[in-house]
Structure formats: C-alpha cells, structure tokens
Amino acid sequence: MLNVVVGHSNDPDSLAAITEVIEQCQANLNGKIPQAGIVFVAIDFDYALILQTIVQTFPGIELIGGTSDAEISSLLQFQQDSLALMLFCSDEIEIHAGLGKNLSQDPILAAQQAVDQAKSKIKNLAVSQFCLAFPESLTVDGVAIVEGLKLALGKDIPIFGGLTADQWQFQKTHQFFQTEVLTDAVPLLIFSGQLLFSQGVASGWHPIGKKGKVTKVDKNILYEINGKPALEFYHHYLGGLPPSGEYPLAVFESESQDFYMRAPSIYNPENGSILFLGEVPADAFVQIAQASRNDILGAAKTSITNALNNYPGKQPDAALFFSCAARRLLLGTRVIEEYQLAQEFLTAAIPGCGFYTHGEISPLNDGGETRLHHETFVTLLIGRH
C-alpha cells in the first residue's frame, strides 16, 4: 500500500497557505498518518512557521524540502510564489530522512552524513530503491554533491531531485529538514521496500555543429576546447554571440549518443574562459545546443511519456517533476504549458508535485549513472508492487 496526497496554495500569507495545504492533504489522507513529506516553497514565506506547522500536525514525519524558483502540482499546475506539499503513507515501504551540513567545506563528508543518518533508521537495507535529494546550489558545485551522494549510496541506487533555488536572484537558497531551516546543506529521503518506479529525462535542446574536445578545464571553468579558447568555440557557431542559457553545452562522456546539459553563466573575454553552472569533465566531447520554445515544451511531453512507457506496473501512485529555472525563463509566458503537457498523460487520480530548480538530479536513463543536469525536465513515477 502506498498513499500519496498533495496540497498546494498560492495564498501569500504563510499561515493561511500552510493551513490550506494541510486541510487539502487531510481531506485525502482519510485518517492515515503520513510517514514522510517533501515541501517546496517560494522565497518570501516564513519557512520556520511552515515547517513547525507541518511537524506539529503530523508528529514523527520525515520532512525535507527547499526553496524553489516556481512550484507545480496536480492541484494548481504551474505557480510562482506558492507552497506545495506532498505526503507519503505506507505500511510496507520505508521512507527515512537524513541531513548533511557544511556542504561547501566538504561535500563528500556532508553527503555521507546525510546518507548515514537515513540508513541508520532503515530496517532492511537490502531493499533500498532510490533517493530524493534537494541540496544547496550556490555554495558548492552541484556535481560535487551528486558525486558525494553516489559515493555514499553506491552507484546502483538512483538519485532524483533538484538543487534549491531563489527565483533567479542567486543570493541565498534554503533547505529544510524537519523544523530546521538551513543553507549549505543536503537533505534527503531514502525509499526502501516493494516499490516500483520509472523515470523520463529530456531537455529539448539539439546539438549543432561539430563536437569539440575539452582540452583544458578546472571543474566548472572551461578554458579550452580543441586547444583553443572556449569562447572561440561559441563565437564560431553563434556568429560572435556570447554564451547564454539559450545555447548550453551538450556534454558527451562516451561514444554513445547520450548527453547531459551544462548551462553557461559568465565568460572572460580576456582569456576566453567560460564559467558553467556545473563541472565539465576533462576530455569530454561537447557541442553547442539550441532549441525553440516548442522544442523545450516538447521535452516535457517526451519526459512523461518515456517514464510512463518504462513504468513496470499498471499505474503509478504519484508523479514528481523537476524542471530547470532556465527553462522557465526561456519559455516566458508559455511556461504554464510545460506542466499542462505532462499532465495530459496522467489520470486525474495520480497526485503530482515538483519545482523549478538550479539543476536537476537523475540518471540519464533507467539503470544509468546519476548525473546533474541543466535545462532539463525530469519525471519520476513511483508506485507499489
């Protein structure tokens, strides 16, 4: 048995919003007690009040979450400046939370602390299925966080989620763990037991031009492609235009056609280097990527249909969505269509929830290794055996 419910409010008052959200959830819980929850909140709310109210209402709940660029749910679809909560109830599935602090000092240690804390509560470690994580995005490279989580969990345990956001201000994001409001932290949930799940990952961007090889890089600062300044690579294909989120890099780590996205941030015209929002591996092959708004929107459809086609059961019990803040910015007023497209393929009975992130976390495909993505739409479907 797995029961999942969602509450979502766009009331600007924190107390009114969380009161409405809890009432919505309780109306569908039918007296069941949730064992875990995830909460996504816009940046102008009273986070402490919201978390305290949830934990007081549902004592013993394993609660995590964070601040978001925008929020989505099966109740209100796309919203900004809102509060969304998803609660999980099950007698057969274990869901336990962990927290790692001081990510910027040592992301490997922080990830290990979070995983150890969650694992210490799990009765049957042999059936761990997947991890949900909503870490910091501004104090440390998201790739280092993902690598730390993979090291702590083992590469066979897939990780899903997104880096917390602050509505494109890039000043401070917050992470939530029980009643704690944190920065520079990684909260997570580990799901264990007789679960079914599937994923879909799509960006809508298409590589153009020839591949180049990364020949000089320092983590997320790309200096040279094919032995020449990285800026020259961009100028060659974009007619002198500077790097921007409209033209991210498609990164290929092997000979396969699978790639993930890296979004450029700022560039240095003096040495031709480009700062990306995530690490770019040395010796990887890269291509400039482009997309139309229709392409970007089509990726949401591709993501959800791939997840449904791969789902190993009859019908999932819940859907989670993680989309990039850059997608929201580039889609403009059409961003509301993204979740509408995804929702077309789900029955009204399936609760959905998600947020717009500073970086999406998921494997590239089922059974693949977990990656940090940019400008990507990730779907996660979960259910019971």
Protein backbone atom coordinates (compact mmCIF):
# COMPACT_ATOMS: atom_id res chain seq x y z
CA MET A 1 0.00 0.00 0.00
CA LEU A 2 1.23 3.48 -0.93
CA ASN A 3 -0.96 6.52 -0.50
CA VAL A 4 0.30 9.88 -1.72
CA VAL A 5 -1.52 13.19 -1.31
CA VAL A 6 -0.74 16.75 -2.38
CA GLY A 7 -1.59 20.20 -1.04
CA HIS A 8 -0.87 23.46 -2.87
CA SER A 9 -1.68 27.07 -2.02
CA ASN A 10 -0.84 30.39 -3.64
CA ASP A 11 -2.01 32.43 -0.66
CA PRO A 12 0.80 34.95 0.10
CA ASP A 13 0.25 34.67 3.86
CA SER A 14 2.39 31.88 5.32
CA LEU A 15 -0.07 30.75 7.99
CA ALA A 16 -3.05 30.87 5.64
CA ALA A 17 -1.11 28.99 2.97
CA ILE A 18 0.09 26.14 5.18
CA THR A 19 -3.34 25.88 6.82
CA GLU A 20 -4.96 25.49 3.40
CA VAL A 21 -2.33 22.97 2.27
CA ILE A 22 -2.75 20.80 5.37
CA GLU A 23 -6.54 20.87 5.04
CA GLN A 24 -6.23 19.72 1.42
CA CYS A 25 -3.92 16.88 2.44
CA GLN A 26 -6.04 15.77 5.39
CA ALA A 27 -9.14 15.64 3.18
CA ASN A 28 -7.44 12.92 1.11
CA LEU A 29 -5.49 11.12 3.84
CA ASN A 30 -8.70 9.53 5.20
CA GLY A 31 -7.22 9.35 8.68
CA LYS A 32 -3.91 7.82 7.58
CA ILE A 33 -0.72 9.14 9.17
CA PRO A 34 1.98 10.23 6.68
CA GLN A 35 5.45 8.94 7.36
CA ALA A 36 7.30 11.35 5.06
CA GLY A 37 6.82 14.55 3.13
CA ILE A 38 8.50 16.97 0.72
CA VAL A 39 7.77 20.69 0.69
CA PHE A 40 8.65 23.30 -1.94
CA VAL A 41 8.30 26.96 -1.02
CA ALA A 42 8.83 30.29 -2.78
CA ILE A 43 11.37 32.64 -1.23
CA ASP A 44 9.06 35.14 0.52
CA PHE A 45 7.46 32.80 3.06
CA ASP A 46 8.03 32.20 6.77
CA TYR A 47 9.78 28.85 6.39
CA ALA A 48 10.10 28.12 10.12
CA LEU A 49 6.37 28.64 10.69
CA ILE A 50 5.51 26.36 7.76
CA LEU A 51 7.80 23.54 8.88
CA GLN A 52 6.70 23.76 12.52
CA THR A 53 3.04 23.61 11.49
CA ILE A 54 3.59 20.51 9.33
CA VAL A 55 5.57 18.67 12.01
CA GLN A 56 3.08 19.61 14.75
CA THR A 57 0.21 18.36 12.60
CA PHE A 58 1.97 15.12 11.68
CA PRO A 59 4.26 14.17 14.61
CA GLY A 60 7.12 11.89 13.64
CA ILE A 61 7.00 12.79 9.95
CA GLU A 62 10.25 12.60 7.97
CA LEU A 63 10.14 16.02 6.27
CA ILE A 64 12.55 17.58 3.78
CA GLY A 65 12.37 20.25 1.06
CA GLY A 66 13.67 23.61 -0.01
CA THR A 67 13.12 26.93 -1.70
CA SER A 68 12.16 26.93 -5.35
CA ASP A 69 12.10 29.04 -8.48
CA ALA A 70 8.47 28.03 -9.10
CA GLU A 71 6.17 25.26 -7.93
CA ILE A 72 3.99 22.74 -9.79
CA SER A 73 1.29 20.31 -8.69
CA SER A 74 -1.71 18.38 -9.90
CA LEU A 75 -3.88 20.85 -7.93
CA LEU A 76 -2.73 24.27 -9.15
CA GLN A 77 -0.41 23.27 -12.00
CA PHE A 78 2.31 25.95 -12.51
CA GLN A 79 2.59 28.64 -9.83
CA GLN A 80 5.13 31.17 -8.60
CA ASP A 81 5.14 32.47 -5.04
CA SER A 82 3.32 29.41 -3.72
CA LEU A 83 3.66 26.50 -1.29
CA ALA A 84 3.39 22.83 -2.33
CA LEU A 85 3.48 19.75 -0.08
CA MET A 86 3.46 16.03 -0.98
CA LEU A 87 2.90 13.43 1.74
CA PHE A 88 3.64 9.68 1.60
CA CYS A 89 1.83 6.96 3.59
CA SER A 90 2.68 3.25 3.53
CA ASP A 91 2.79 0.25 5.84
CA GLU A 92 5.11 -1.67 3.52
CA ILE A 93 7.56 0.98 2.29
CA GLU A 94 10.19 2.61 4.48
CA ILE A 95 10.98 6.28 3.87
CA HIS A 96 13.67 7.84 6.02
CA ALA A 97 15.34 11.26 6.05
CA GLY A 98 18.93 12.35 6.52
CA LEU A 99 20.78 15.66 6.61
CA GLY A 100 24.32 16.73 5.78
CA LYS A 101 25.60 20.19 6.72
CA ASN A 102 28.51 22.41 5.62
CA LEU A 103 28.49 21.24 2.02
CA SER A 104 30.92 23.92 0.91
CA GLN A 105 33.55 22.70 3.37
CA ASP A 106 33.38 19.03 2.40
CA PRO A 107 30.60 17.83 0.05
CA ILE A 108 31.76 14.20 0.33
CA LEU A 109 31.50 14.26 4.13
CA ALA A 110 28.16 16.11 4.13
CA ALA A 111 26.66 13.61 1.69
CA GLN A 112 27.96 10.72 3.78
CA GLN A 113 26.41 12.21 6.94
CA ALA A 114 23.02 12.57 5.25
CA VAL A 115 23.06 9.03 3.88
CA ASP A 116 24.30 7.52 7.16
CA GLN A 117 21.56 9.26 9.14
CA ALA A 118 18.81 7.98 6.83
CA LYS A 119 20.28 4.49 6.59
CA SER A 120 20.55 4.18 10.38
CA LYS A 121 16.74 4.08 10.53
CA ILE A 122 16.18 1.55 7.73
CA LYS A 123 15.25 -1.95 8.92
CA ASN A 124 16.07 -3.74 5.66
CA LEU A 125 18.97 -2.06 3.86
CA ALA A 126 18.98 -4.73 1.18
CA VAL A 127 15.87 -3.28 -0.49
CA SER A 128 16.81 0.38 -0.79
CA GLN A 129 15.35 1.60 -4.07
CA PHE A 130 16.08 5.28 -4.68
CA CYS A 131 16.95 8.58 -3.03
CA LEU A 132 15.33 12.02 -3.24
CA ALA A 133 17.64 14.98 -2.53
CA PHE A 134 17.18 18.76 -2.53
CA PRO A 135 20.62 20.26 -1.82
CA GLU A 136 22.15 23.72 -1.81
CA SER A 137 23.03 25.21 -5.20
CA LEU A 138 25.04 28.38 -4.59
CA THR A 139 27.86 27.47 -2.19
CA VAL A 140 29.25 24.40 -3.98
CA ASP A 141 29.20 22.81 -7.43
CA GLY A 142 26.18 20.53 -7.75
CA VAL A 143 28.33 17.90 -9.48
CA ALA A 144 30.41 17.53 -6.29
CA ILE A 145 27.20 16.99 -4.29
CA VAL A 146 25.92 14.34 -6.69
CA GLU A 147 29.30 12.59 -6.71
CA GLY A 148 29.31 12.62 -2.90
CA LEU A 149 25.83 11.10 -2.77
CA LYS A 150 26.75 8.40 -5.28
CA LEU A 151 29.83 7.54 -3.25
CA ALA A 152 27.78 7.28 -0.05
CA LEU A 153 24.81 5.40 -1.52
CA GLY A 154 26.59 3.27 -4.08
CA LYS A 155 26.20 3.91 -7.80
CA ASP A 156 23.40 1.35 -8.12
CA ILE A 157 20.98 3.49 -6.08
CA PRO A 158 19.47 6.15 -8.36
CA ILE A 159 19.10 9.69 -7.04
CA PHE A 160 16.38 12.13 -8.10
CA GLY A 161 15.63 15.71 -7.16
CA GLY A 162 16.95 19.18 -7.75
CA LEU A 163 19.14 21.95 -6.38
CA THR A 164 17.22 24.51 -4.34
CA ALA A 165 16.60 27.89 -5.99
CA ASP A 166 15.78 31.51 -5.17
CA GLN A 167 13.82 32.86 -8.15
CA TRP A 168 16.86 33.82 -10.21
CA GLN A 169 18.39 36.07 -7.53
CA PHE A 170 21.41 33.79 -6.91
CA GLN A 171 21.82 35.19 -3.39
CA LYS A 172 20.65 32.54 -0.91
CA THR A 173 18.69 29.31 -1.11
CA HIS A 174 17.30 27.33 1.82
CA GLN A 175 16.98 23.65 2.56
CA PHE A 176 14.50 22.10 5.00
CA PHE A 177 14.87 19.18 7.40
CA GLN A 178 12.11 18.57 9.92
CA THR A 179 11.74 22.02 11.55
CA GLU A 180 15.23 23.23 10.59
CA VAL A 181 15.74 25.98 8.01
CA LEU A 182 19.26 25.64 6.59
CA THR A 183 21.68 26.84 3.96
CA ASP A 184 24.72 24.98 2.61
CA ALA A 185 23.03 21.65 3.39
CA VAL A 186 21.79 18.46 1.72
CA PRO A 187 18.52 16.94 3.00
CA LEU A 188 17.39 13.63 1.52
CA LEU A 189 14.91 10.76 1.72
CA ILE A 190 15.76 7.13 1.05
CA PHE A 191 12.87 4.94 -0.15
CA SER A 192 13.11 1.22 0.66
CA GLY A 193 10.77 -1.72 0.14
CA GLN A 194 8.45 -3.15 -2.51
CA LEU A 195 8.43 -0.11 -4.78
CA LEU A 196 8.05 0.37 -8.49
CA PHE A 197 9.44 3.44 -10.21
CA SER A 198 10.46 4.78 -13.58
CA GLN A 199 11.94 7.97 -14.97
CA GLY A 200 11.96 10.19 -18.02
CA VAL A 201 14.64 12.78 -18.86
CA ALA A 202 14.51 15.23 -21.76
CA SER A 203 15.72 18.76 -22.48
CA GLY A 204 14.53 19.65 -25.98
CA TRP A 205 17.95 21.02 -26.92
CA HIS A 206 19.64 19.60 -30.02
CA PRO A 207 23.42 19.59 -30.56
CA ILE A 208 24.58 21.57 -33.60
CA GLY A 209 27.90 21.80 -35.43
CA LYS A 210 30.86 19.54 -34.80
CA LYS A 211 31.90 18.04 -31.49
CA GLY A 212 34.88 19.58 -29.73
CA LYS A 213 37.11 18.01 -27.11
CA VAL A 214 37.58 19.61 -23.68
CA THR A 215 41.34 20.13 -23.52
CA LYS A 216 41.66 22.49 -20.54
CA VAL A 217 39.19 22.80 -17.68
CA ASP A 218 39.21 23.46 -13.94
CA LYS A 219 35.99 21.93 -12.61
CA ASN A 220 33.30 24.31 -13.94
CA ILE A 221 35.66 26.83 -15.60
CA LEU A 222 36.15 25.74 -19.19
CA TYR A 223 39.29 27.25 -20.68
CA GLU A 224 39.92 25.40 -23.93
CA ILE A 225 38.10 23.27 -26.47
CA ASN A 226 40.27 21.64 -29.15
CA GLY A 227 43.26 23.51 -27.72
CA LYS A 228 41.67 26.93 -28.34
CA PRO A 229 39.81 29.33 -26.01
CA ALA A 230 36.33 28.03 -25.20
CA LEU A 231 34.87 31.42 -26.14
CA GLU A 232 36.15 30.94 -29.70
CA PHE A 233 34.15 27.71 -29.93
CA TYR A 234 30.98 29.61 -29.07
CA HIS A 235 31.77 32.52 -31.37
CA HIS A 236 32.44 30.17 -34.27
CA TYR A 237 28.99 28.60 -34.12
CA LEU A 238 26.99 31.59 -32.90
CA GLY A 239 28.40 34.24 -35.20
CA GLY A 240 30.15 36.14 -32.45
CA LEU A 241 27.28 35.96 -29.95
CA PRO A 242 28.39 35.40 -26.33
CA PRO A 243 27.47 32.28 -24.35
CA SER A 244 23.99 32.31 -22.81
CA GLY A 245 21.42 29.96 -21.33
CA GLU A 246 19.80 29.76 -24.76
CA TYR A 247 22.86 27.90 -26.04
CA PRO A 248 24.09 25.44 -23.41
CA LEU A 249 26.70 22.76 -23.99
CA ALA A 250 25.73 19.17 -24.66
CA VAL A 251 28.31 17.04 -22.85
CA PHE A 252 29.18 13.55 -24.09
CA GLU A 253 31.30 11.44 -21.74
CA SER A 254 31.45 8.40 -24.02
CA GLU A 255 30.94 7.33 -27.63
CA SER A 256 27.18 6.93 -27.06
CA GLN A 257 24.64 9.49 -28.20
CA ASP A 258 23.56 10.19 -24.60
CA PHE A 259 24.42 13.64 -23.31
CA TYR A 260 23.59 15.96 -20.44
CA MET A 261 23.40 19.74 -20.42
CA ARG A 262 25.68 22.36 -18.91
CA ALA A 263 24.46 25.95 -18.80
CA PRO A 264 27.00 28.80 -19.19
CA SER A 265 27.00 31.55 -16.58
CA ILE A 266 29.66 34.22 -17.19
CA TYR A 267 32.65 34.44 -19.50
CA ASN A 268 36.06 36.13 -19.50
CA PRO A 269 36.83 37.86 -22.83
CA GLU A 270 40.49 38.29 -21.85
CA ASN A 271 41.41 34.60 -21.58
CA GLY A 272 38.38 33.15 -23.42
CA SER A 273 37.20 31.04 -20.48
CA ILE A 274 33.55 30.31 -19.66
CA LEU A 275 32.13 29.61 -16.20
CA PHE A 276 29.41 26.95 -16.26
CA LEU A 277 26.84 26.17 -13.57
CA GLY A 278 28.25 22.67 -13.17
CA GLU A 279 31.53 20.83 -13.66
CA VAL A 280 32.57 19.89 -17.20
CA PRO A 281 34.79 16.76 -17.33
CA ALA A 282 38.23 16.88 -18.90
CA ASP A 283 38.49 15.02 -22.23
CA ALA A 284 34.70 15.00 -22.68
CA PHE A 285 33.27 15.91 -26.06
CA VAL A 286 30.93 18.89 -26.28
CA GLN A 287 28.62 20.53 -28.77
CA ILE A 288 26.69 23.78 -28.76
CA ALA A 289 22.98 23.05 -28.35
CA GLN A 290 19.94 25.04 -29.43
CA ALA A 291 16.18 24.73 -29.00
CA SER A 292 12.99 26.53 -29.93
CA ARG A 293 10.25 27.10 -27.37
CA ASN A 294 8.27 24.30 -28.99
CA ASP A 295 11.28 22.01 -28.61
CA ILE A 296 11.60 22.89 -24.94
CA LEU A 297 7.90 22.27 -24.33
CA GLY A 298 8.04 19.04 -26.31
CA ALA A 299 10.68 17.76 -23.91
CA ALA A 300 8.13 17.76 -21.08
CA LYS A 301 5.92 15.51 -23.20
CA THR A 302 8.88 13.26 -24.04
CA SER A 303 9.92 13.05 -20.39
CA ILE A 304 6.50 11.98 -19.10
CA THR A 305 5.76 9.56 -21.96
CA ASN A 306 9.16 7.88 -21.54
CA ALA A 307 8.52 7.49 -17.81
CA LEU A 308 5.07 6.00 -18.46
CA ASN A 309 6.37 3.65 -21.15
CA ASN A 310 9.08 2.43 -18.77
CA TYR A 311 6.82 2.09 -15.72
CA PRO A 312 6.88 -1.59 -14.67
CA GLY A 313 3.40 -1.64 -13.12
CA LYS A 314 -0.16 -0.87 -14.19
CA GLN A 315 -0.47 2.67 -12.88
CA PRO A 316 1.82 4.80 -10.69
CA ASP A 317 0.61 6.21 -7.38
CA ALA A 318 2.44 9.53 -7.70
CA ALA A 319 4.45 11.68 -10.08
CA LEU A 320 7.33 14.02 -9.27
CA PHE A 321 8.67 16.66 -11.66
CA PHE A 322 11.92 18.64 -11.62
CA SER A 323 12.40 21.33 -14.25
CA CYS A 324 15.14 23.92 -14.69
CA ALA A 325 14.74 27.57 -13.73
CA ALA A 326 16.39 28.43 -17.07
CA ARG A 327 13.56 26.64 -18.88
CA ARG A 328 11.05 28.81 -17.04
CA LEU A 329 12.95 31.94 -18.02
CA LEU A 330 13.29 30.97 -21.69
CA LEU A 331 9.68 29.83 -22.03
CA GLY A 332 8.33 33.07 -20.59
CA THR A 333 4.53 33.15 -20.53
CA ARG A 334 4.38 29.74 -22.19
CA VAL A 335 5.92 28.04 -19.15
CA ILE A 336 2.44 27.10 -17.90
CA GLU A 337 2.18 24.79 -20.91
CA GLU A 338 5.06 22.64 -19.67
CA TYR A 339 3.18 21.03 -16.81
CA GLN A 340 -0.06 21.01 -18.80
CA LEU A 341 1.66 18.85 -21.42
CA ALA A 342 2.98 16.49 -18.78
CA GLN A 343 -0.37 16.25 -17.00
CA GLU A 344 -2.22 15.28 -20.20
CA PHE A 345 -0.73 11.80 -19.92
CA LEU A 346 -1.62 11.22 -16.27
CA THR A 347 -5.05 10.37 -14.93
CA ALA A 348 -6.61 12.87 -12.54
CA ALA A 349 -6.25 10.33 -9.73
CA ILE A 350 -2.43 10.48 -9.79
CA PRO A 351 -1.10 13.24 -7.50
CA GLY A 352 1.80 15.23 -8.89
CA CYS A 353 4.24 17.70 -7.37
CA GLY A 354 7.54 19.35 -8.23
CA PHE A 355 9.57 22.51 -8.55
CA TYR A 356 11.85 24.56 -10.78
CA THR A 357 15.47 24.06 -9.79
CA HIS A 358 19.03 25.37 -10.21
CA GLY A 359 19.98 21.90 -11.50
CA GLU A 360 18.12 18.62 -11.91
CA ILE A 361 19.31 15.30 -10.48
CA SER A 362 18.60 11.94 -12.13
CA PRO A 363 20.23 9.17 -14.12
CA LEU A 364 20.36 9.81 -17.86
CA ASN A 365 18.22 6.69 -18.36
CA ASP A 366 16.93 3.67 -16.45
CA GLY A 367 19.86 1.81 -14.96
CA GLY A 368 22.31 4.58 -15.83
CA GLU A 369 24.52 6.58 -13.51
CA THR A 370 23.02 9.59 -11.73
CA ARG A 371 24.01 12.97 -13.18
CA LEU A 372 23.48 16.65 -12.55
CA HIS A 373 21.55 18.19 -15.44
CA HIS A 374 20.75 21.72 -16.55
CA GLU A 375 17.86 22.99 -18.68
CA THR A 376 16.21 19.56 -18.39
CA PHE A 377 12.77 18.21 -17.44
CA VAL A 378 12.84 15.13 -15.19
CA THR A 379 9.84 12.92 -14.43
CA LEU A 380 9.79 10.32 -11.64
CA LEU A 381 6.83 7.94 -11.31
CA ILE A 382 6.50 5.82 -8.19
CA GLY A 383 4.08 3.14 -7.03
CA ARG A 384 3.76 -0.13 -5.17
CA HIS A 385 4.17 -3.72 -6.32
